[in-house]
Amino acid sequence: MVRWSDWLQYVGLRAVGGLAPCFSSEANHDTAATVGSIYWRLSARHRRRAMLNVAAAFPELTPPQVEALAEGSVRSLMAMFLLDSLVMSRRITPSAWASHVSLGSIGGAVDLLLSDKPAILITAHQGNFELLGYTLSMLGLPLTALARPLDNPMLDAWLTGMRTRHGLEIITKWGATDRVLAAIARGAKVAFIADQNAGDDGIFVPFFDRLASSYKSIALLAVRERLPLISGFARRTSADFRYEITGVHRLEPEEWESHPDPIFFVSAWYTWAIERMVRVAPEQYWWLHRRWRSRPRFEREGKPMPARLRERLESLPWLDAARIERIRANSEDLPRDPAEATAR
């Protein structure tokens, strides 16, 4: 059932999208970012959560630096939603896309992206994930993306129509298994936004030297179907609607097949890939998420890190002894959820 609030949101956003061409890209960006700063000042709860998350991820930053980075992420978020996502279909066209999007570090994955082989594409709430899928599908890549439907059915229908304009297939997360497997069977690249908290039953792997609950289903799919993984995101490089697809890393099945715990390895790898994306442009990450809300059982029970988990961490080639020690200390010595510690 469509509510009055749904109509107001829909008409409001369509009006913003219609007025945007009347002003310069820079002016539109500044206006949207200013809305973000206003929201930042009015929402004490979200402001506190973002700052605590930034401080947990970057303990070397001073309080003013933490606040500046956290506010910058909210400004970036508003610029994406109130501007870029609304004008994307006008700017990203077969004849004009190269004026707005560069392919950055995509070189190491071009052969796989252009092949008819299926793969898993990992991205995050980083930069402009809407533009990432839209651009890749417009370039002719067979791409299937999992997405949660919006609560507003009018906005959901409009956004879905825009997303699928150039062949991108959208699958809702509810009952998606059969459609995902069908997409893989025809050689599609299946995209996941994989940086949200997966609950107490998720698989806990390091994210900024702190265990975070991640989706086990992605690794299970990769291992079951023997799929390579690619990471990447669209980073804003200018207020004049310019982006770069970057943060591209690649994992082949041969790299995890001999690992004693391939599910843990793949889950840890894609979470590490997301961390590397965030470090490229931390001001463009959604620090409002309660990424560390769920905790592993040993933390909930107040026990030390199990030896088995430490062995798994030691098996990850990108972790050195110092980082493993920080992960242990963060599990045993710090509050369970940095984004909720103050609220409690």
C-alpha atoms as a PDB file:
ATOM      1  CA  MET A   1       0.000   0.000   0.000  1.00  0.00           C
ATOM      2  CA  VAL A   2       1.353   3.415  -1.003  1.00  0.00           C
ATOM      3  CA  ARG A   3       1.368   5.972   1.812  1.00  0.00           C
ATOM      4  CA  TRP A   4       1.280   9.751   1.605  1.00  0.00           C
ATOM      5  CA  SER A   5       4.873   9.827   2.829  1.00  0.00           C
ATOM      6  CA  ASP A   6       5.843   7.575  -0.097  1.00  0.00           C
ATOM      7  CA  TRP A   7       4.264  10.030  -2.531  1.00  0.00           C
ATOM      8  CA  LEU A   8       6.022  12.983  -0.905  1.00  0.00           C
ATOM      9  CA  GLN A   9       9.426  11.269  -1.028  1.00  0.00           C
ATOM     10  CA  TYR A  10       8.925  10.217  -4.626  1.00  0.00           C
ATOM     11  CA  VAL A  11       7.715  13.608  -5.879  1.00  0.00           C
ATOM     12  CA  GLY A  12      10.424  15.396  -3.911  1.00  0.00           C
ATOM     13  CA  LEU A  13      13.283  13.356  -5.340  1.00  0.00           C
ATOM     14  CA  ARG A  14      11.902  13.507  -8.874  1.00  0.00           C
ATOM     15  CA  ALA A  15      11.656  17.283  -8.514  1.00  0.00           C
ATOM     16  CA  VAL A  16      15.265  17.486  -7.352  1.00  0.00           C
ATOM     17  CA  GLY A  17      16.345  15.371 -10.306  1.00  0.00           C
ATOM     18  CA  GLY A  18      14.389  17.584 -12.678  1.00  0.00           C
ATOM     19  CA  LEU A  19      15.873  20.815 -11.316  1.00  0.00           C
ATOM     20  CA  ALA A  20      19.486  19.587 -11.235  1.00  0.00           C
ATOM     21  CA  PRO A  21      20.227  20.382 -14.930  1.00  0.00           C
ATOM     22  CA  CYS A  22      19.351  24.029 -14.257  1.00  0.00           C
ATOM     23  CA  PHE A  23      22.523  24.449 -12.188  1.00  0.00           C
ATOM     24  CA  SER A  24      26.178  23.532 -12.549  1.00  0.00           C
ATOM     25  CA  SER A  25      27.431  20.169 -11.290  1.00  0.00           C
ATOM     26  CA  GLU A  26      29.604  21.902  -8.724  1.00  0.00           C
ATOM     27  CA  ALA A  27      26.701  23.967  -7.381  1.00  0.00           C
ATOM     28  CA  ASN A  28      24.485  20.886  -7.152  1.00  0.00           C
ATOM     29  CA  HIS A  29      27.206  18.970  -5.364  1.00  0.00           C
ATOM     30  CA  ASP A  30      27.808  21.776  -2.875  1.00  0.00           C
ATOM     31  CA  THR A  31      24.083  22.011  -2.151  1.00  0.00           C
ATOM     32  CA  ALA A  32      23.730  18.268  -1.573  1.00  0.00           C
ATOM     33  CA  ALA A  33      26.847  18.223   0.615  1.00  0.00           C
ATOM     34  CA  THR A  34      25.453  21.118   2.641  1.00  0.00           C
ATOM     35  CA  VAL A  35      22.306  19.088   3.265  1.00  0.00           C
ATOM     36  CA  GLY A  36      24.618  16.376   4.538  1.00  0.00           C
ATOM     37  CA  SER A  37      26.267  18.788   6.969  1.00  0.00           C
ATOM     38  CA  ILE A  38      22.856  19.933   8.224  1.00  0.00           C
ATOM     39  CA  TYR A  39      21.835  16.321   8.782  1.00  0.00           C
ATOM     40  CA  TRP A  40      25.159  15.728  10.537  1.00  0.00           C
ATOM     41  CA  ARG A  41      24.453  18.468  13.038  1.00  0.00           C
ATOM     42  CA  LEU A  42      20.824  17.505  13.642  1.00  0.00           C
ATOM     43  CA  SER A  43      21.289  13.746  14.106  1.00  0.00           C
ATOM     44  CA  ALA A  44      23.292  13.310  17.296  1.00  0.00           C
ATOM     45  CA  ARG A  45      22.827   9.527  17.319  1.00  0.00           C
ATOM     46  CA  HIS A  46      24.191   9.026  13.816  1.00  0.00           C
ATOM     47  CA  ARG A  47      26.937  11.571  14.385  1.00  0.00           C
ATOM     48  CA  ARG A  48      28.119   9.692  17.467  1.00  0.00           C
ATOM     49  CA  ARG A  49      27.961   6.331  15.701  1.00  0.00           C
ATOM     50  CA  ALA A  50      29.949   7.530  12.682  1.00  0.00           C
ATOM     51  CA  MET A  51      32.634   9.118  14.847  1.00  0.00           C
ATOM     52  CA  LEU A  52      33.006   6.023  17.022  1.00  0.00           C
ATOM     53  CA  ASN A  53      33.321   3.826  13.946  1.00  0.00           C
ATOM     54  CA  VAL A  54      35.936   6.092  12.366  1.00  0.00           C
ATOM     55  CA  ALA A  55      37.890   6.236  15.627  1.00  0.00           C
ATOM     56  CA  ALA A  56      37.829   2.432  15.874  1.00  0.00           C
ATOM     57  CA  ALA A  57      39.054   2.002  12.284  1.00  0.00           C
ATOM     58  CA  PHE A  58      41.703   4.750  12.467  1.00  0.00           C
ATOM     59  CA  PRO A  59      42.929   4.981  16.083  1.00  0.00           C
ATOM     60  CA  GLU A  60      45.835   7.155  14.959  1.00  0.00           C
ATOM     61  CA  LEU A  61      43.533  10.074  14.073  1.00  0.00           C
ATOM     62  CA  THR A  62      42.988  13.003  16.425  1.00  0.00           C
ATOM     63  CA  PRO A  63      39.417  13.835  17.538  1.00  0.00           C
ATOM     64  CA  PRO A  64      39.149  16.774  15.070  1.00  0.00           C
ATOM     65  CA  GLN A  65      40.354  14.514  12.258  1.00  0.00           C
ATOM     66  CA  VAL A  66      37.837  11.842  13.252  1.00  0.00           C
ATOM     67  CA  GLU A  67      35.006  14.355  13.199  1.00  0.00           C
ATOM     68  CA  ALA A  68      36.072  15.818   9.852  1.00  0.00           C
ATOM     69  CA  LEU A  69      36.276  12.375   8.241  1.00  0.00           C
ATOM     70  CA  ALA A  70      32.945  11.241   9.665  1.00  0.00           C
ATOM     71  CA  GLU A  71      31.164  14.418   8.551  1.00  0.00           C
ATOM     72  CA  GLY A  72      32.785  14.120   5.132  1.00  0.00           C
ATOM     73  CA  SER A  73      31.284  10.662   4.726  1.00  0.00           C
ATOM     74  CA  VAL A  74      27.775  11.995   5.434  1.00  0.00           C
ATOM     75  CA  ARG A  75      28.296  14.822   2.953  1.00  0.00           C
ATOM     76  CA  SER A  76      29.420  12.269   0.356  1.00  0.00           C
ATOM     77  CA  LEU A  77      26.404  10.095   1.108  1.00  0.00           C
ATOM     78  CA  MET A  78      23.988  12.966   0.541  1.00  0.00           C
ATOM     79  CA  ALA A  79      25.741  14.010  -2.670  1.00  0.00           C
ATOM     80  CA  MET A  80      25.309  10.494  -3.983  1.00  0.00           C
ATOM     81  CA  PHE A  81      21.641  10.093  -3.063  1.00  0.00           C
ATOM     82  CA  LEU A  82      20.360  13.630  -3.632  1.00  0.00           C
ATOM     83  CA  LEU A  83      22.321  14.298  -6.802  1.00  0.00           C
ATOM     84  CA  ASP A  84      24.416  11.693  -8.561  1.00  0.00           C
ATOM     85  CA  SER A  85      21.940   8.818  -8.436  1.00  0.00           C
ATOM     86  CA  LEU A  86      19.219  11.127  -9.805  1.00  0.00           C
ATOM     87  CA  VAL A  87      21.191  12.421 -12.792  1.00  0.00           C
ATOM     88  CA  MET A  88      23.217   9.282 -13.487  1.00  0.00           C
ATOM     89  CA  SER A  89      21.075   8.090 -16.390  1.00  0.00           C
ATOM     90  CA  ARG A  90      21.535  11.452 -18.171  1.00  0.00           C
ATOM     91  CA  ARG A  91      25.311  11.531 -17.729  1.00  0.00           C
ATOM     92  CA  ILE A  92      26.292   7.890 -18.159  1.00  0.00           C
ATOM     93  CA  THR A  93      25.357   7.131 -21.770  1.00  0.00           C
ATOM     94  CA  PRO A  94      27.056   5.041 -24.478  1.00  0.00           C
ATOM     95  CA  SER A  95      28.443   8.208 -26.097  1.00  0.00           C
ATOM     96  CA  ALA A  96      29.341  10.257 -23.008  1.00  0.00           C
ATOM     97  CA  TRP A  97      30.288   7.846 -20.209  1.00  0.00           C
ATOM     98  CA  ALA A  98      34.046   8.269 -20.749  1.00  0.00           C
ATOM     99  CA  SER A  99      33.715  11.988 -19.931  1.00  0.00           C
ATOM    100  CA  HIS A 100      32.520  11.089 -16.452  1.00  0.00           C
ATOM    101  CA  VAL A 101      34.035   7.692 -15.573  1.00  0.00           C
ATOM    102  CA  SER A 102      37.621   6.454 -15.887  1.00  0.00           C
ATOM    103  CA  LEU A 103      38.551   2.822 -15.459  1.00  0.00           C
ATOM    104  CA  GLY A 104      41.452   3.355 -13.067  1.00  0.00           C
ATOM    105  CA  SER A 105      43.047   0.116 -11.815  1.00  0.00           C
ATOM    106  CA  ILE A 106      40.672  -2.177 -13.654  1.00  0.00           C
ATOM    107  CA  GLY A 107      43.419  -3.503 -15.914  1.00  0.00           C
ATOM    108  CA  GLY A 108      44.151  -6.619 -13.877  1.00  0.00           C
ATOM    109  CA  ALA A 109      40.588  -7.836 -14.245  1.00  0.00           C
ATOM    110  CA  VAL A 110      39.709  -6.781 -17.802  1.00  0.00           C
ATOM    111  CA  ASP A 111      40.168 -10.255 -19.267  1.00  0.00           C
ATOM    112  CA  LEU A 112      37.824 -11.801 -16.707  1.00  0.00           C
ATOM    113  CA  LEU A 113      35.252  -9.002 -16.931  1.00  0.00           C
ATOM    114  CA  LEU A 114      35.107  -9.281 -20.716  1.00  0.00           C
ATOM    115  CA  SER A 115      35.012 -13.076 -20.756  1.00  0.00           C
ATOM    116  CA  ASP A 116      31.923 -15.261 -20.735  1.00  0.00           C
ATOM    117  CA  LYS A 117      33.067 -16.863 -17.492  1.00  0.00           C
ATOM    118  CA  PRO A 118      30.986 -16.270 -14.347  1.00  0.00           C
ATOM    119  CA  ALA A 119      32.518 -14.490 -11.380  1.00  0.00           C
ATOM    120  CA  ILE A 120      31.595 -12.757  -8.133  1.00  0.00           C
ATOM    121  CA  LEU A 121      31.947  -8.978  -8.005  1.00  0.00           C
ATOM    122  CA  ILE A 122      32.432  -7.558  -4.508  1.00  0.00           C
ATOM    123  CA  THR A 123      31.732  -3.937  -3.705  1.00  0.00           C
ATOM    124  CA  ALA A 124      30.640  -1.977  -0.633  1.00  0.00           C
ATOM    125  CA  HIS A 125      28.728   1.068   0.525  1.00  0.00           C
ATOM    126  CA  GLN A 126      31.718   3.007  -0.698  1.00  0.00           C
ATOM    127  CA  GLY A 127      31.742   5.721  -3.320  1.00  0.00           C
ATOM    128  CA  ASN A 128      28.819   5.312  -5.727  1.00  0.00           C
ATOM    129  CA  PHE A 129      27.788   1.671  -5.978  1.00  0.00           C
ATOM    130  CA  GLU A 130      24.749   2.596  -8.098  1.00  0.00           C
ATOM    131  CA  LEU A 131      27.009   4.145 -10.718  1.00  0.00           C
ATOM    132  CA  LEU A 132      29.342   1.136 -10.623  1.00  0.00           C
ATOM    133  CA  GLY A 133      26.648  -1.352 -11.630  1.00  0.00           C
ATOM    134  CA  TYR A 134      25.022   1.063 -14.063  1.00  0.00           C
ATOM    135  CA  THR A 135      28.285   1.773 -15.905  1.00  0.00           C
ATOM    136  CA  LEU A 136      29.442  -1.826 -16.128  1.00  0.00           C
ATOM    137  CA  SER A 137      26.080  -3.006 -17.481  1.00  0.00           C
ATOM    138  CA  MET A 138      25.986  -0.126 -19.970  1.00  0.00           C
ATOM    139  CA  LEU A 139      29.389  -1.282 -21.247  1.00  0.00           C
ATOM    140  CA  GLY A 140      27.818  -4.624 -22.068  1.00  0.00           C
ATOM    141  CA  LEU A 141      28.937  -6.762 -19.144  1.00  0.00           C
ATOM    142  CA  PRO A 142      26.355  -9.404 -18.174  1.00  0.00           C
ATOM    143  CA  LEU A 143      25.837  -8.331 -14.586  1.00  0.00           C
ATOM    144  CA  THR A 144      23.429  -9.537 -11.910  1.00  0.00           C
ATOM    145  CA  ALA A 145      23.194  -7.653  -8.618  1.00  0.00           C
ATOM    146  CA  LEU A 146      21.566  -8.575  -5.337  1.00  0.00           C
ATOM    147  CA  ALA A 147      19.686  -5.681  -3.760  1.00  0.00           C
ATOM    148  CA  ARG A 148      17.253  -5.128  -0.928  1.00  0.00           C
ATOM    149  CA  PRO A 149      13.991  -3.553  -2.112  1.00  0.00           C
ATOM    150  CA  LEU A 150      13.386  -0.014  -0.862  1.00  0.00           C
ATOM    151  CA  ASP A 151      10.649   0.452   1.719  1.00  0.00           C
ATOM    152  CA  ASN A 152       9.026   3.047  -0.545  1.00  0.00           C
ATOM    153  CA  PRO A 153       7.478   1.031  -3.427  1.00  0.00           C
ATOM    154  CA  MET A 154       7.317   4.052  -5.742  1.00  0.00           C
ATOM    155  CA  LEU A 155      11.004   4.868  -5.312  1.00  0.00           C
ATOM    156  CA  ASP A 156      11.860   1.179  -5.566  1.00  0.00           C
ATOM    157  CA  ALA A 157      10.057   0.813  -8.908  1.00  0.00           C
ATOM    158  CA  TRP A 158      11.674   3.984 -10.263  1.00  0.00           C
ATOM    159  CA  LEU A 159      15.158   3.024  -9.125  1.00  0.00           C
ATOM    160  CA  THR A 160      14.786  -0.531 -10.427  1.00  0.00           C
ATOM    161  CA  GLY A 161      13.748   0.803 -13.828  1.00  0.00           C
ATOM    162  CA  MET A 162      16.804   3.038 -13.956  1.00  0.00           C
ATOM    163  CA  ARG A 163      19.155   0.312 -12.730  1.00  0.00           C
ATOM    164  CA  THR A 164      17.977  -2.192 -15.336  1.00  0.00           C
ATOM    165  CA  ARG A 165      17.925   0.216 -18.294  1.00  0.00           C
ATOM    166  CA  HIS A 166      21.088  -1.243 -19.834  1.00  0.00           C
ATOM    167  CA  GLY A 167      20.591  -4.897 -18.950  1.00  0.00           C
ATOM    168  CA  LEU A 168      21.575  -5.074 -15.291  1.00  0.00           C
ATOM    169  CA  GLU A 169      19.531  -7.817 -13.630  1.00  0.00           C
ATOM    170  CA  ILE A 170      18.340  -7.080 -10.104  1.00  0.00           C
ATOM    171  CA  ILE A 171      17.613  -9.943  -7.719  1.00  0.00           C
ATOM    172  CA  THR A 172      16.103  -9.256  -4.327  1.00  0.00           C
ATOM    173  CA  LYS A 173      17.780 -11.006  -1.454  1.00  0.00           C
ATOM    174  CA  TRP A 174      14.624 -12.935  -0.596  1.00  0.00           C
ATOM    175  CA  GLY A 175      14.615 -16.363  -2.267  1.00  0.00           C
ATOM    176  CA  ALA A 176      17.467 -15.460  -4.588  1.00  0.00           C
ATOM    177  CA  THR A 177      19.384 -18.739  -4.706  1.00  0.00           C
ATOM    178  CA  ASP A 178      17.820 -20.225  -7.850  1.00  0.00           C
ATOM    179  CA  ARG A 179      18.129 -16.996  -9.832  1.00  0.00           C
ATOM    180  CA  VAL A 180      21.738 -16.495  -8.740  1.00  0.00           C
ATOM    181  CA  LEU A 181      22.648 -20.013  -9.856  1.00  0.00           C
ATOM    182  CA  ALA A 182      20.847 -19.450 -13.170  1.00  0.00           C
ATOM    183  CA  ALA A 183      22.839 -16.248 -13.715  1.00  0.00           C
ATOM    184  CA  ILE A 184      26.087 -18.081 -13.004  1.00  0.00           C
ATOM    185  CA  ALA A 185      25.102 -20.844 -15.431  1.00  0.00           C
ATOM    186  CA  ARG A 186      24.825 -18.308 -18.257  1.00  0.00           C
ATOM    187  CA  GLY A 187      28.169 -16.683 -17.418  1.00  0.00           C
ATOM    188  CA  ALA A 188      27.028 -13.554 -15.577  1.00  0.00           C
ATOM    189  CA  LYS A 189      29.052 -11.631 -13.044  1.00  0.00           C
ATOM    190  CA  VAL A 190      27.095 -11.645  -9.760  1.00  0.00           C
ATOM    191  CA  ALA A 191      27.561  -8.493  -7.669  1.00  0.00           C
ATOM    192  CA  PHE A 192      27.257  -8.275  -3.886  1.00  0.00           C
ATOM    193  CA  ILE A 193      27.395  -5.223  -1.626  1.00  0.00           C
ATOM    194  CA  ALA A 194      29.164  -7.176   1.060  1.00  0.00           C
ATOM    195  CA  ASP A 195      30.088  -4.815   3.881  1.00  0.00           C
ATOM    196  CA  GLN A 196      27.093  -4.986   6.203  1.00  0.00           C
ATOM    197  CA  ASN A 197      26.835  -6.804   9.506  1.00  0.00           C
ATOM    198  CA  ALA A 198      25.738 -10.417   8.914  1.00  0.00           C
ATOM    199  CA  GLY A 199      24.495 -11.119  12.455  1.00  0.00           C
ATOM    200  CA  ASP A 200      25.746 -13.317  15.265  1.00  0.00           C
ATOM    201  CA  ASP A 201      25.663 -16.369  12.978  1.00  0.00           C
ATOM    202  CA  GLY A 202      27.860 -14.813  10.297  1.00  0.00           C
ATOM    203  CA  ILE A 203      31.497 -15.711   9.813  1.00  0.00           C
ATOM    204  CA  PHE A 204      33.806 -13.434  11.827  1.00  0.00           C
ATOM    205  CA  VAL A 205      36.840 -12.169   9.936  1.00  0.00           C
ATOM    206  CA  PRO A 206      39.077  -9.105  10.377  1.00  0.00           C
ATOM    207  CA  PHE A 207      37.938  -5.674   9.263  1.00  0.00           C
ATOM    208  CA  PHE A 208      40.233  -2.835  10.337  1.00  0.00           C
ATOM    209  CA  ASP A 209      41.858  -5.126  12.933  1.00  0.00           C
ATOM    210  CA  ARG A 210      38.537  -5.958  14.568  1.00  0.00           C
ATOM    211  CA  LEU A 211      36.458  -9.067  13.975  1.00  0.00           C
ATOM    212  CA  ALA A 212      33.349  -8.319  11.911  1.00  0.00           C
ATOM    213  CA  SER A 213      30.448 -10.588  11.017  1.00  0.00           C
ATOM    214  CA  SER A 214      30.497 -11.216   7.255  1.00  0.00           C
ATOM    215  CA  TYR A 215      28.292 -13.144   4.839  1.00  0.00           C
ATOM    216  CA  LYS A 216      29.320 -16.788   4.701  1.00  0.00           C
ATOM    217  CA  SER A 217      26.987 -17.347   1.723  1.00  0.00           C
ATOM    218  CA  ILE A 218      29.320 -15.456  -0.631  1.00  0.00           C
ATOM    219  CA  ALA A 219      32.241 -17.739   0.162  1.00  0.00           C
ATOM    220  CA  LEU A 220      30.021 -20.823  -0.002  1.00  0.00           C
ATOM    221  CA  LEU A 221      28.890 -19.789  -3.483  1.00  0.00           C
ATOM    222  CA  ALA A 222      32.459 -19.136  -4.635  1.00  0.00           C
ATOM    223  CA  VAL A 223      33.741 -22.462  -3.313  1.00  0.00           C
ATOM    224  CA  ARG A 224      30.757 -24.510  -4.497  1.00  0.00           C
ATOM    225  CA  GLU A 225      30.828 -23.091  -8.032  1.00  0.00           C
ATOM    226  CA  ARG A 226      34.612 -22.523  -8.140  1.00  0.00           C
ATOM    227  CA  LEU A 227      34.235 -18.852  -8.993  1.00  0.00           C
ATOM    228  CA  PRO A 228      36.893 -16.133  -9.061  1.00  0.00           C
ATOM    229  CA  LEU A 229      36.197 -12.934  -7.110  1.00  0.00           C
ATOM    230  CA  ILE A 230      36.787  -9.336  -8.176  1.00  0.00           C
ATOM    231  CA  SER A 231      36.526  -6.286  -5.952  1.00  0.00           C
ATOM    232  CA  GLY A 232      36.033  -2.668  -6.982  1.00  0.00           C
ATOM    233  CA  PHE A 233      34.154   0.571  -6.378  1.00  0.00           C
ATOM    234  CA  ALA A 234      33.384   3.886  -8.082  1.00  0.00           C
ATOM    235  CA  ARG A 235      35.308   6.686  -6.345  1.00  0.00           C
ATOM    236  CA  ARG A 236      34.248  10.296  -6.796  1.00  0.00           C
ATOM    237  CA  THR A 237      37.226  12.302  -8.034  1.00  0.00           C
ATOM    238  CA  SER A 238      35.583  15.679  -8.653  1.00  0.00           C
ATOM    239  CA  ALA A 239      32.491  17.655  -7.732  1.00  0.00           C
ATOM    240  CA  ASP A 240      31.878  17.900 -11.485  1.00  0.00           C
ATOM    241  CA  PHE A 241      30.364  14.374 -11.618  1.00  0.00           C
ATOM    242  CA  ARG A 242      33.606  12.522 -12.277  1.00  0.00           C
ATOM    243  CA  TYR A 243      34.341   9.045 -11.002  1.00  0.00           C
ATOM    244  CA  GLU A 244      37.040   6.421 -11.219  1.00  0.00           C
ATOM    245  CA  ILE A 245      36.422   2.684 -10.993  1.00  0.00           C
ATOM    246  CA  THR A 246      39.251   1.526  -8.758  1.00  0.00           C
ATOM    247  CA  GLY A 247      40.128  -0.689  -5.802  1.00  0.00           C
ATOM    248  CA  VAL A 248      40.204  -3.662  -8.156  1.00  0.00           C
ATOM    249  CA  HIS A 249      41.632  -6.867  -6.703  1.00  0.00           C
ATOM    250  CA  ARG A 250      41.191 -10.435  -7.868  1.00  0.00           C
ATOM    251  CA  LEU A 251      41.117 -13.849  -6.225  1.00  0.00           C
ATOM    252  CA  GLU A 252      41.305 -17.046  -8.276  1.00  0.00           C
ATOM    253  CA  PRO A 253      40.088 -20.458  -7.034  1.00  0.00           C
ATOM    254  CA  GLU A 254      43.645 -21.776  -7.128  1.00  0.00           C
ATOM    255  CA  GLU A 255      44.510 -19.389  -4.311  1.00  0.00           C
ATOM    256  CA  TRP A 256      42.046 -20.863  -1.827  1.00  0.00           C
ATOM    257  CA  GLU A 257      41.533 -24.455  -2.971  1.00  0.00           C
ATOM    258  CA  SER A 258      44.501 -25.781  -0.998  1.00  0.00           C
ATOM    259  CA  HIS A 259      43.679 -23.754   2.097  1.00  0.00           C
ATOM    260  CA  PRO A 260      42.557 -25.857   5.101  1.00  0.00           C
ATOM    261  CA  ASP A 261      39.486 -23.644   5.549  1.00  0.00           C
ATOM    262  CA  PRO A 262      38.547 -22.150   2.158  1.00  0.00           C
ATOM    263  CA  ILE A 263      35.274 -20.624   3.431  1.00  0.00           C
ATOM    264  CA  PHE A 264      37.147 -18.636   6.074  1.00  0.00           C
ATOM    265  CA  PHE A 265      39.865 -17.680   3.590  1.00  0.00           C
ATOM    266  CA  VAL A 266      37.458 -16.379   0.937  1.00  0.00           C
ATOM    267  CA  SER A 267      35.350 -14.519   3.517  1.00  0.00           C
ATOM    268  CA  ALA A 268      38.445 -12.924   5.003  1.00  0.00           C
ATOM    269  CA  TRP A 269      39.779 -12.048   1.554  1.00  0.00           C
ATOM    270  CA  TYR A 270      36.704 -10.187   0.338  1.00  0.00           C
ATOM    271  CA  THR A 271      36.426  -8.343   3.671  1.00  0.00           C
ATOM    272  CA  TRP A 272      40.098  -7.409   3.360  1.00  0.00           C
ATOM    273  CA  ALA A 273      39.398  -6.228  -0.203  1.00  0.00           C
ATOM    274  CA  ILE A 274      36.635  -3.979   1.147  1.00  0.00           C
ATOM    275  CA  GLU A 275      38.997  -2.585   3.778  1.00  0.00           C
ATOM    276  CA  ARG A 276      41.469  -1.726   1.039  1.00  0.00           C
ATOM    277  CA  MET A 277      38.701   0.046  -0.884  1.00  0.00           C
ATOM    278  CA  VAL A 278      37.794   2.078   2.186  1.00  0.00           C
ATOM    279  CA  ARG A 279      41.400   3.105   2.780  1.00  0.00           C
ATOM    280  CA  VAL A 280      41.560   4.538  -0.754  1.00  0.00           C
ATOM    281  CA  ALA A 281      38.802   7.058   0.061  1.00  0.00           C
ATOM    282  CA  PRO A 282      37.640   6.731   3.686  1.00  0.00           C
ATOM    283  CA  GLU A 283      35.565   9.914   3.413  1.00  0.00           C
ATOM    284  CA  GLN A 284      33.364   8.116   0.854  1.00  0.00           C
ATOM    285  CA  TYR A 285      32.485   5.153   3.081  1.00  0.00           C
ATOM    286  CA  TRP A 286      29.216   4.788   4.997  1.00  0.00           C
ATOM    287  CA  TRP A 287      30.491   5.019   8.554  1.00  0.00           C
ATOM    288  CA  LEU A 288      26.878   5.139   9.758  1.00  0.00           C
ATOM    289  CA  HIS A 289      26.628   1.346   9.526  1.00  0.00           C
ATOM    290  CA  ARG A 290      26.828  -0.667  12.743  1.00  0.00           C
ATOM    291  CA  ARG A 291      29.488  -2.837  11.131  1.00  0.00           C
ATOM    292  CA  TRP A 292      30.799  -4.320  14.383  1.00  0.00           C
ATOM    293  CA  ARG A 293      27.458  -4.730  16.146  1.00  0.00           C
ATOM    294  CA  SER A 294      27.425  -8.563  16.202  1.00  0.00           C
ATOM    295  CA  ARG A 295      30.175 -10.260  18.162  1.00  0.00           C
ATOM    296  CA  PRO A 296      31.581 -13.815  18.079  1.00  0.00           C
ATOM    297  CA  ARG A 297      30.460 -16.173  20.815  1.00  0.00           C
ATOM    298  CA  PHE A 298      33.752 -16.130  22.701  1.00  0.00           C
ATOM    299  CA  GLU A 299      33.477 -12.348  23.064  1.00  0.00           C
ATOM    300  CA  ARG A 300      29.847 -12.545  24.171  1.00  0.00           C
ATOM    301  CA  GLU A 301      30.855 -15.083  26.798  1.00  0.00           C
ATOM    302  CA  GLY A 302      33.854 -13.041  27.941  1.00  0.00           C
ATOM    303  CA  LYS A 303      36.396 -15.700  26.919  1.00  0.00           C
ATOM    304  CA  PRO A 304      39.807 -15.283  25.242  1.00  0.00           C
ATOM    305  CA  MET A 305      40.229 -15.803  21.520  1.00  0.00           C
ATOM    306  CA  PRO A 306      40.143 -19.545  20.687  1.00  0.00           C
ATOM    307  CA  ALA A 307      43.415 -21.067  19.523  1.00  0.00           C
ATOM    308  CA  ARG A 308      41.659 -22.377  16.412  1.00  0.00           C
ATOM    309  CA  LEU A 309      40.650 -18.861  15.364  1.00  0.00           C
ATOM    310  CA  ARG A 310      44.163 -17.568  15.923  1.00  0.00           C
ATOM    311  CA  GLU A 311      45.488 -20.373  13.701  1.00  0.00           C
ATOM    312  CA  ARG A 312      43.043 -19.313  10.984  1.00  0.00           C
ATOM    313  CA  LEU A 313      44.191 -15.712  11.266  1.00  0.00           C
ATOM    314  CA  GLU A 314      47.825 -16.797  11.044  1.00  0.00           C
ATOM    315  CA  SER A 315      47.004 -18.647   7.808  1.00  0.00           C
ATOM    316  CA  LEU A 316      46.006 -15.401   6.062  1.00  0.00           C
ATOM    317  CA  PRO A 317      49.070 -14.187   4.110  1.00  0.00           C
ATOM    318  CA  TRP A 318      48.144 -10.493   4.356  1.00  0.00           C
ATOM    319  CA  LEU A 319      48.169 -10.478   8.197  1.00  0.00           C
ATOM    320  CA  ASP A 320      51.410 -10.118  10.104  1.00  0.00           C
ATOM    321  CA  ALA A 321      51.968 -10.873  13.789  1.00  0.00           C
ATOM    322  CA  ALA A 322      51.402  -7.256  14.841  1.00  0.00           C
ATOM    323  CA  ARG A 323      47.985  -7.084  13.177  1.00  0.00           C
ATOM    324  CA  ILE A 324      46.932 -10.421  14.627  1.00  0.00           C
ATOM    325  CA  GLU A 325      47.863  -9.154  18.078  1.00  0.00           C
ATOM    326  CA  ARG A 326      45.776  -6.018  17.526  1.00  0.00           C
ATOM    327  CA  ILE A 327      42.831  -8.178  16.488  1.00  0.00           C
ATOM    328  CA  ARG A 328      43.214 -10.232  19.658  1.00  0.00           C
ATOM    329  CA  ALA A 329      43.477  -7.113  21.806  1.00  0.00           C
ATOM    330  CA  ASN A 330      40.432  -5.545  20.170  1.00  0.00           C
ATOM    331  CA  SER A 331      38.459  -8.711  20.859  1.00  0.00           C
ATOM    332  CA  GLU A 332      39.474  -9.093  24.479  1.00  0.00           C
ATOM    333  CA  ASP A 333      40.168  -5.570  25.720  1.00  0.00           C
ATOM    334  CA  LEU A 334      37.830  -3.130  23.958  1.00  0.00           C
ATOM    335  CA  PRO A 335      34.040  -2.557  24.092  1.00  0.00           C
ATOM    336  CA  ARG A 336      32.084  -5.018  21.977  1.00  0.00           C
ATOM    337  CA  ASP A 337      30.573  -2.498  19.579  1.00  0.00           C
ATOM    338  CA  PRO A 338      32.349   0.862  19.216  1.00  0.00           C
ATOM    339  CA  ALA A 339      29.268   2.373  17.618  1.00  0.00           C
ATOM    340  CA  GLU A 340      27.076   1.517  20.594  1.00  0.00           C
ATOM    341  CA  ALA A 341      29.506   1.810  23.493  1.00  0.00           C
ATOM    342  CA  THR A 342      28.566   5.391  24.261  1.00  0.00           C
ATOM    343  CA  ALA A 343      24.833   4.721  23.920  1.00  0.00           C
ATOM    344  CA  ARG A 344      25.033   2.026  26.573  1.00  0.00           C
END
